[in-house]
């Protein structure tokens, strides 16, 4: 519902509302699996339905919201960039589904589609917050769209944070950092969310470059 509502809002020109709806979808996506495990209602059907929901909310929705906001001014290049993002999300999800039991759970292979959607939604939200028309920075938006889509289908590893188990003892520092993060988001949602998701998207390439440099010096 949140993903579809974001598309409708973007079609009406309500881009801030559309961006917020994408983040609402992300919040729901973070809760559905936990609710299923708590209630003992996990199933193969639920896993497949969740993946289809991800495709809708974090593939089609961000692409159409960004297209409506800035990419449409680039003509054919604009909709091709949006389509590439959608296709990359589908490939990312398909690869994730078949590698679930084969990869190190500490890391994702490629940028997750949820994080990618966070980058795209926060770009739109920051742009509207600064009253920057998408038309003015359409070329930059296209580059960001292509880069984020490429990171989704790359082999670059990203830390998954799945090691954090809140059922066990949670360190005080972790609680403090979590509280600080929530306070910062409440203080200025568009800018803080943009900083968080952009930093995470950049962390993969930076860690990859660091690993290459270390490997080169060791050899």
Protein backbone atom coordinates (compact mmCIF):
# COMPACT_ATOMS: atom_id res chain seq x y z
CA UNK A 1 0.00 0.00 0.00
CA UNK A 2 2.76 2.47 0.93
CA UNK A 3 4.64 1.75 -2.30
CA UNK A 4 1.55 2.20 -4.47
CA UNK A 5 0.56 5.33 -2.54
CA UNK A 6 4.03 6.80 -3.19
CA UNK A 7 3.51 6.38 -6.94
CA UNK A 8 0.09 8.06 -6.78
CA UNK A 9 1.53 10.94 -4.71
CA UNK A 10 4.40 11.42 -7.19
CA UNK A 11 1.94 11.48 -10.12
CA UNK A 12 0.14 14.32 -8.34
CA UNK A 13 3.42 16.19 -7.77
CA UNK A 14 3.49 15.53 -4.01
CA UNK A 15 7.10 14.37 -3.98
CA UNK A 16 7.76 14.85 -0.28
CA UNK A 17 4.76 12.67 0.54
CA UNK A 18 5.98 10.10 -1.97
CA UNK A 19 9.43 9.96 -0.38
CA UNK A 20 7.96 9.58 3.11
CA UNK A 21 5.74 6.73 1.86
CA UNK A 22 8.82 4.86 0.60
CA UNK A 23 10.35 5.07 4.08
CA UNK A 24 7.07 3.86 5.59
CA UNK A 25 7.31 0.85 3.26
CA UNK A 26 10.86 0.27 4.50
CA UNK A 27 9.66 0.34 8.11
CA UNK A 28 6.95 -2.20 7.34
CA UNK A 29 9.45 -4.38 5.47
CA UNK A 30 11.65 -4.43 8.56
CA UNK A 31 8.75 -5.56 10.75
CA UNK A 32 6.93 -8.17 8.67
CA UNK A 33 9.53 -10.92 9.05
CA UNK A 34 9.86 -10.32 12.78
CA UNK A 35 6.08 -10.44 13.23
CA UNK A 36 5.93 -13.72 11.28
CA UNK A 37 8.64 -15.26 13.46
CA UNK A 38 7.05 -14.04 16.70
CA UNK A 39 3.65 -15.42 15.73
CA UNK A 40 4.98 -18.65 14.22
CA UNK A 41 3.45 -17.88 10.82
CA UNK A 42 6.58 -18.13 8.64
CA UNK A 43 5.98 -19.87 5.32
CA UNK A 44 7.36 -20.29 1.81
CA UNK A 45 4.34 -18.33 0.55
CA UNK A 46 5.23 -15.44 2.86
CA UNK A 47 8.82 -15.42 1.66
CA UNK A 48 7.76 -15.27 -2.00
CA UNK A 49 5.12 -12.61 -1.30
CA UNK A 50 7.67 -10.53 0.59
CA UNK A 51 10.00 -10.64 -2.40
CA UNK A 52 7.22 -9.48 -4.74
CA UNK A 53 6.38 -6.68 -2.31
CA UNK A 54 10.05 -5.65 -2.29
CA UNK A 55 10.01 -5.50 -6.08
CA UNK A 56 7.00 -3.20 -5.96
CA UNK A 57 8.08 -0.94 -3.09
CA UNK A 58 11.84 -0.78 -3.64
CA UNK A 59 12.10 -1.31 -7.39
CA UNK A 60 9.15 0.06 -9.33
CA UNK A 61 8.15 2.72 -6.80
CA UNK A 62 11.53 4.52 -6.40
CA UNK A 63 12.07 4.41 -10.16
CA UNK A 64 8.70 6.02 -10.92
CA UNK A 65 8.98 8.57 -8.12
CA UNK A 66 12.44 9.65 -9.28
CA UNK A 67 11.30 9.61 -12.91
CA UNK A 68 8.31 11.86 -12.10
CA UNK A 69 10.52 14.21 -10.10
CA UNK A 70 13.57 14.62 -12.31
CA UNK A 71 14.27 11.96 -14.92
CA UNK A 72 11.29 12.72 -17.15
CA UNK A 73 12.98 15.91 -18.31
CA UNK A 74 15.72 13.87 -20.01
CA UNK A 75 13.40 12.19 -22.47
CA UNK A 76 14.44 8.71 -23.56
CA UNK A 77 17.56 8.73 -21.36
CA UNK A 78 15.38 9.44 -18.34
CA UNK A 79 12.99 6.52 -18.71
CA UNK A 80 15.81 4.18 -19.72
CA UNK A 81 17.67 5.08 -16.50
CA UNK A 82 14.47 4.41 -14.52
CA UNK A 83 13.99 1.08 -16.29
CA UNK A 84 17.59 0.07 -15.59
CA UNK A 85 16.92 0.67 -11.90
CA UNK A 86 13.81 -1.54 -12.00
CA UNK A 87 15.65 -4.30 -13.88
CA UNK A 88 18.60 -4.12 -11.47
CA UNK A 89 16.24 -4.50 -8.52
CA UNK A 90 14.66 -7.60 -10.07
CA UNK A 91 18.10 -9.12 -10.69
CA UNK A 92 19.23 -8.24 -7.15
CA UNK A 93 16.19 -9.90 -5.59
CA UNK A 94 16.46 -13.01 -7.76
CA UNK A 95 20.13 -13.43 -6.85
CA UNK A 96 19.41 -12.86 -3.17
CA UNK A 97 16.65 -15.49 -3.18
CA UNK A 98 18.86 -18.23 -4.62
CA UNK A 99 21.90 -17.33 -2.50
CA UNK A 100 20.11 -17.07 0.86
CA UNK A 101 21.62 -20.28 2.21
CA UNK A 102 24.93 -20.03 0.36
CA UNK A 103 26.46 -16.72 1.41
CA UNK A 104 27.92 -15.29 4.61
CA UNK A 105 24.98 -13.75 6.47
CA UNK A 106 27.27 -11.00 7.79
CA UNK A 107 27.33 -9.45 4.32
CA UNK A 108 25.06 -8.73 1.39
CA UNK A 109 26.41 -9.26 -2.12
CA UNK A 110 25.57 -5.98 -3.79
CA UNK A 111 23.65 -3.07 -2.31
CA UNK A 112 20.30 -4.24 -0.94
CA UNK A 113 17.25 -2.97 -2.80
CA UNK A 114 15.90 -1.53 0.46
CA UNK A 115 19.01 0.60 1.01
CA UNK A 116 19.01 1.59 -2.66
CA UNK A 117 15.41 2.78 -2.35
CA UNK A 118 16.43 4.73 0.75
CA UNK A 119 19.05 6.59 -1.28
CA UNK A 120 16.65 7.41 -4.09
CA UNK A 121 13.80 8.49 -1.79
CA UNK A 122 16.10 10.64 0.33
CA UNK A 123 17.49 12.34 -2.81
CA UNK A 124 13.94 13.36 -3.76
CA UNK A 125 13.12 14.40 -0.19
CA UNK A 126 16.27 16.52 0.20
CA UNK A 127 15.63 18.11 -3.19
CA UNK A 128 12.09 19.14 -2.21
CA UNK A 129 13.31 20.22 1.24
CA UNK A 130 15.75 22.64 -0.41
CA UNK A 131 13.12 23.61 -3.02
CA UNK A 132 15.36 22.32 -5.82
CA UNK A 133 13.28 21.35 -8.88
CA UNK A 134 14.17 17.93 -10.25
CA UNK A 135 14.41 19.49 -13.69
CA UNK A 136 17.41 21.59 -12.57
CA UNK A 137 19.50 18.56 -11.54
CA UNK A 138 18.03 15.91 -13.85
CA UNK A 139 21.46 14.90 -15.22
CA UNK A 140 22.83 14.39 -11.70
CA UNK A 141 19.73 12.40 -10.74
CA UNK A 142 20.25 10.14 -13.76
CA UNK A 143 23.86 9.50 -12.75
CA UNK A 144 22.86 8.69 -9.17
CA UNK A 145 20.13 6.35 -10.43
CA UNK A 146 22.55 4.46 -12.69
CA UNK A 147 25.25 4.24 -10.02
CA UNK A 148 22.87 2.95 -7.33
CA UNK A 149 21.35 0.43 -9.76
CA UNK A 150 24.83 -0.78 -10.71
CA UNK A 151 25.78 -1.21 -7.04
CA UNK A 152 22.74 -3.46 -6.55
CA UNK A 153 23.92 -5.93 -9.19
CA UNK A 154 27.61 -5.64 -8.33
CA UNK A 155 29.63 -8.21 -6.35
CA UNK A 156 30.65 -5.59 -3.80
CA UNK A 157 29.91 -6.75 -0.26
CA UNK A 158 27.94 -4.70 2.25
CA UNK A 159 27.68 -5.32 5.97
CA UNK A 160 24.20 -6.72 6.69
CA UNK A 161 23.94 -5.95 10.43
CA UNK A 162 22.31 -9.39 10.85
CA UNK A 163 24.80 -10.15 13.61
CA UNK A 164 22.96 -7.73 15.88
CA UNK A 165 20.72 -9.90 18.04
CA UNK A 166 18.43 -7.85 20.27
CA UNK A 167 17.22 -10.98 22.06
CA UNK A 168 20.55 -11.17 23.84
CA UNK A 169 22.28 -8.56 26.00
CA UNK A 170 22.53 -5.30 24.05
CA UNK A 171 25.62 -3.18 24.81
CA UNK A 172 24.91 0.22 26.32
CA UNK A 173 26.87 1.94 23.54
CA UNK A 174 24.60 0.31 20.93
CA UNK A 175 21.51 1.57 22.74
CA UNK A 176 23.01 5.05 22.99
CA UNK A 177 23.89 5.13 19.28
CA UNK A 178 20.40 3.91 18.38
CA UNK A 179 18.80 6.63 20.48
CA UNK A 180 21.09 9.28 18.99
CA UNK A 181 20.19 8.13 15.48
CA UNK A 182 16.46 8.39 16.19
CA UNK A 183 16.92 11.87 17.67
CA UNK A 184 18.87 13.04 14.62
CA UNK A 185 16.26 11.65 12.24
CA UNK A 186 13.49 13.37 14.21
CA UNK A 187 15.47 16.63 14.14
CA UNK A 188 15.88 16.76 10.34
CA UNK A 189 14.53 13.64 8.57
CA UNK A 190 15.42 14.38 4.91
CA UNK A 191 19.04 15.43 5.51
CA UNK A 192 19.84 12.79 8.14
CA UNK A 193 18.27 9.94 6.15
CA UNK A 194 20.12 11.10 3.04
CA UNK A 195 23.40 11.10 4.99
CA UNK A 196 22.74 7.64 6.47
CA UNK A 197 21.76 5.88 3.25
CA UNK A 198 24.34 7.62 1.08
CA UNK A 199 27.08 6.72 3.55
CA UNK A 200 25.95 3.10 3.56
CA UNK A 201 25.86 2.99 -0.26
CA UNK A 202 29.42 4.38 -0.37
CA UNK A 203 30.70 2.04 2.36
CA UNK A 204 30.77 -0.96 0.02
CA UNK A 205 33.02 0.57 -2.68
CA UNK A 206 35.25 2.15 -0.02
CA UNK A 207 35.73 -1.15 1.82
CA UNK A 208 36.38 -2.87 -1.53
CA UNK A 209 39.05 -0.28 -2.41
CA UNK A 210 40.62 -0.70 1.02
CA UNK A 211 40.74 -4.48 0.57
CA UNK A 212 42.40 -4.09 -2.83
CA UNK A 213 45.04 -1.75 -1.43
CA UNK A 214 45.78 -4.09 1.50
CA UNK A 215 46.01 -7.08 -0.84
CA UNK A 216 48.37 -5.17 -3.14
CA UNK A 217 50.74 -4.24 -0.30
CA UNK A 218 50.72 -7.79 1.09
CA UNK A 219 51.62 -9.23 -2.30
